[in-house]
Protein backbone atom coordinates (compact mmCIF):
# COMPACT_ATOMS: atom_id res chain seq x y z
CA MET A 1 151.50 70.50 44.32
CA THR A 2 148.56 69.26 46.51
CA HIS A 3 145.73 67.45 45.05
CA ILE A 4 142.47 68.43 46.23
CA LEU A 5 139.14 66.66 46.79
CA ILE A 6 136.13 68.71 45.65
CA GLY A 7 132.69 67.26 46.72
CA TYR A 8 129.25 67.60 44.99
CA ALA A 9 125.85 66.72 46.55
CA ARG A 10 122.44 67.25 45.25
CA CYS A 11 118.86 66.58 46.03
CA SER A 12 115.82 67.12 43.78
CA THR A 13 113.52 69.00 46.05
CA ASP A 14 113.99 71.63 48.80
CA LYS A 15 112.33 69.42 51.21
CA GLN A 16 114.92 66.69 50.90
CA ASP A 17 117.81 66.73 53.46
CA ILE A 18 121.08 67.01 51.82
CA ALA A 19 122.95 66.30 55.04
CA VAL A 20 123.41 62.62 54.65
CA GLN A 21 125.34 63.07 51.38
CA LYS A 22 127.48 65.84 53.08
CA GLN A 23 128.54 63.51 55.80
CA GLU A 24 129.49 60.80 53.30
CA LEU A 25 131.58 63.39 51.50
CA LEU A 26 133.28 64.43 54.90
CA ARG A 27 133.79 60.69 55.58
CA LEU A 28 135.56 60.25 52.15
CA GLY A 29 137.94 63.14 53.03
CA VAL A 30 136.37 66.13 51.45
CA SER A 31 136.68 69.10 53.53
CA ALA A 32 133.42 70.95 54.45
CA ASP A 33 134.40 74.21 52.66
CA ARG A 34 135.01 72.24 49.51
CA ILE A 35 131.61 70.78 49.13
CA TYR A 36 129.18 72.23 46.53
CA THR A 37 125.53 71.49 46.60
CA ASP A 38 122.28 71.95 44.64
CA LYS A 39 118.89 71.74 46.26
CA GLY A 40 115.80 71.58 44.20
CA PHE A 41 117.39 70.54 40.95
CA THR A 42 116.76 67.32 39.28
CA GLY A 43 119.66 65.24 37.98
CA THR A 44 118.20 65.54 34.45
CA ASN A 45 118.59 69.23 34.58
CA ARG A 46 122.17 70.10 33.39
CA ASP A 47 121.95 73.83 34.55
CA ARG A 48 122.85 73.48 38.11
CA PRO A 49 124.72 76.39 39.87
CA GLY A 50 126.36 74.04 42.45
CA LEU A 51 127.46 71.55 39.84
CA ASP A 52 128.97 74.38 37.72
CA GLN A 53 130.96 75.68 40.70
CA ALA A 54 132.36 72.31 41.62
CA LEU A 55 133.50 71.68 38.07
CA ALA A 56 135.03 75.16 37.93
CA ALA A 57 136.75 74.41 41.19
CA VAL A 58 138.47 71.32 40.17
CA ARG A 59 141.90 71.61 38.46
CA SER A 60 144.29 69.05 36.96
CA GLY A 61 145.18 66.28 39.28
CA ASP A 62 142.17 67.12 41.76
CA THR A 63 139.38 64.56 42.27
CA LEU A 64 135.63 65.50 41.97
CA VAL A 65 133.81 63.37 44.71
CA VAL A 66 130.19 62.42 44.53
CA PRO A 67 128.41 59.93 47.00
CA LYS A 68 126.66 58.26 44.05
CA LEU A 69 126.80 58.73 40.28
CA ASP A 70 122.84 59.51 40.07
CA ARG A 71 123.75 62.72 42.31
CA LEU A 72 125.93 63.90 39.40
CA ALA A 73 123.76 63.03 36.22
CA ARG A 74 120.61 61.00 35.57
CA SER A 75 121.10 60.43 31.97
CA VAL A 76 123.74 58.36 30.25
CA PRO A 77 124.84 61.17 27.88
CA ASP A 78 125.12 63.60 30.67
CA ALA A 79 127.12 61.23 32.89
CA ARG A 80 129.52 60.38 29.83
CA ALA A 81 129.93 64.15 28.94
CA ILE A 82 130.83 65.07 32.60
CA GLY A 83 133.13 62.00 32.93
CA ASP A 84 134.82 62.70 29.63
CA SER A 85 135.29 66.43 30.13
CA LEU A 86 136.90 65.68 33.79
CA ALA A 87 139.20 63.06 32.20
CA ALA A 88 140.32 65.52 29.41
CA ARG A 89 141.20 68.04 32.13
CA GLY A 90 143.09 65.55 34.12
CA VAL A 91 140.59 65.51 36.82
CA LYS A 92 139.58 62.22 38.60
CA LEU A 93 136.06 61.19 39.35
CA GLN A 94 135.27 59.28 42.58
CA LEU A 95 132.00 57.62 42.96
CA GLY A 96 131.50 56.97 46.81
CA ALA A 97 134.71 55.06 47.58
CA SER A 98 135.89 54.05 44.23
CA VAL A 99 137.66 56.16 41.69
CA HIS A 100 136.41 55.95 38.18
CA ASP A 101 139.21 55.08 35.61
CA PRO A 102 137.93 55.72 32.12
CA SER A 103 141.04 54.25 30.57
CA ASP A 104 140.05 50.79 32.19
CA PRO A 105 137.65 48.92 30.09
CA MET A 106 135.92 47.36 33.19
CA GLY A 107 135.71 50.75 35.00
CA LYS A 108 134.21 52.14 31.77
CA LEU A 109 131.75 49.45 31.39
CA PHE A 110 130.96 49.80 35.20
CA PHE A 111 130.45 53.51 34.87
CA ASN A 112 128.06 53.02 31.94
CA ILE A 113 125.98 50.52 33.93
CA LEU A 114 125.72 52.96 36.76
CA ALA A 115 124.67 55.77 34.44
CA THR A 116 122.24 53.51 32.75
CA PHE A 117 120.71 52.70 36.15
CA ALA A 118 120.56 56.22 37.07
CA GLU A 119 118.72 57.21 33.81
CA PHE A 120 116.26 54.08 34.26
CA GLU A 121 115.52 55.30 37.81
CA ALA A 122 114.82 58.79 36.63
CA ASP A 123 112.47 57.34 33.95
CA LEU A 124 110.70 55.39 36.60
CA ILE A 125 110.12 58.39 38.64
CA LYS A 126 108.60 60.23 35.88
CA LEU A 127 106.45 57.39 34.84
CA ARG A 128 105.07 56.99 38.53
CA THR A 129 104.44 60.58 38.61
CA ARG A 130 102.43 60.64 35.51
CA GLU A 131 100.44 57.57 36.63
CA GLY A 132 99.84 59.07 40.05
CA MET A 133 98.62 62.23 38.37
CA ALA A 134 96.28 60.18 36.04
CA VAL A 135 94.85 58.39 38.89
CA ALA A 136 94.31 61.60 40.91
CA ARG A 137 92.79 63.24 37.90
CA ALA A 138 90.38 60.17 37.46
CA LYS A 139 89.26 60.45 41.11
CA GLY A 140 88.57 64.15 40.66
CA LYS A 141 91.47 65.09 43.22
CA LEU A 142 93.65 66.80 40.49
CA ARG A 143 91.90 69.80 38.89
CA GLY A 144 93.09 72.94 37.37
CA LYS A 145 93.09 76.10 39.28
CA LYS A 146 89.81 77.16 40.66
CA PRO A 147 88.14 80.10 38.89
CA LYS A 148 88.59 83.42 40.87
CA LEU A 149 84.83 84.21 40.64
CA SER A 150 81.81 82.11 41.45
CA ASP A 151 79.47 81.07 38.76
CA ARG A 152 77.06 83.69 39.92
CA GLN A 153 79.71 86.34 39.75
CA GLN A 154 80.88 85.40 36.34
CA LYS A 155 77.38 85.58 35.06
CA GLU A 156 77.09 89.10 36.63
CA LEU A 157 80.43 90.29 35.15
CA ARG A 158 79.28 88.98 31.69
CA ARG A 159 75.86 90.81 32.27
CA MET A 160 77.55 94.11 33.31
CA TYR A 161 79.97 93.95 30.33
CA ASP A 162 77.11 93.42 27.76
CA THR A 163 75.23 96.56 28.99
CA GLY A 164 78.31 98.55 27.68
CA ASP A 165 78.44 100.59 30.64
CA TYR A 166 81.50 99.13 31.93
CA SER A 167 84.97 98.66 30.45
CA ILE A 168 87.49 95.72 31.08
CA SER A 169 89.30 97.99 33.59
CA ASP A 170 86.26 99.05 35.50
CA LEU A 171 85.25 95.20 35.80
CA ALA A 172 88.70 94.32 36.92
CA ASP A 173 88.54 96.92 39.69
CA LEU A 174 84.90 96.12 40.64
CA PHE A 175 85.55 92.26 40.95
CA SER A 176 89.30 92.62 42.30
CA ILE A 177 90.72 90.62 39.39
CA SER A 178 93.28 91.09 36.72
CA ARG A 179 92.15 92.20 33.10
CA PRO A 180 93.25 88.86 31.65
CA THR A 181 90.96 87.22 34.13
CA VAL A 182 88.10 89.40 32.95
CA TYR A 183 88.94 88.21 29.35
CA ARG A 184 88.98 84.75 30.23
CA THR A 185 85.67 84.92 32.26
CA LEU A 186 83.97 86.63 29.24
CA ARG A 187 85.21 83.94 26.88
CA ARG A 188 83.57 81.34 29.16
CA GLN A 189 80.35 83.06 29.64
CA PRO A 190 77.62 83.26 27.03
CA VAL A 191 76.46 86.54 25.75
CA THR A 192 73.44 87.72 27.91
CA SER A 193 70.08 88.59 26.54
CA VAL A 194 70.82 92.34 27.17
CA LEU A 195 72.50 92.55 23.75
CA ALA A 196 69.71 90.87 22.03
CA ALA A 197 67.15 93.13 23.52
């Protein structure tokens, strides 16, 4: 019975290139038609179609090959769960050029260290993203979505609504906006003096 190498590669955004990881997997002996990929999925997201296909493709005696552990998982519990599940099925896990042996205490320690670093790196990315957004917000560069209507249009919409001559649907058609946008605009704008008269 032949033992097969199944490859898995992942990148977090659609803009990133997965070619380098694929080249590494080919160099490690995985055939091109046995490489499964995920683009636009973070390692902390466990629901990945490419990963699911790769895990379904491996059988007892096969080896799942990933260029680095952080491509497989970005948290210690996930890395352990995947590693344990593969070991229970008799599937080997190869990280780059080295095969992970869960029965070897040193191998287990090394695997856990790699998983911890992968999780730490993911946490750092989240932290840097939050900090970057806070700085951008403080500089006024990060704002919510711009209102669909100018201030003048919003006031006019409110005035027209307050006359009682226009329904929400009429206003949505007149201003070429959705009904929810009409409601949001009315919540933001104070009642006009038409009603008070």
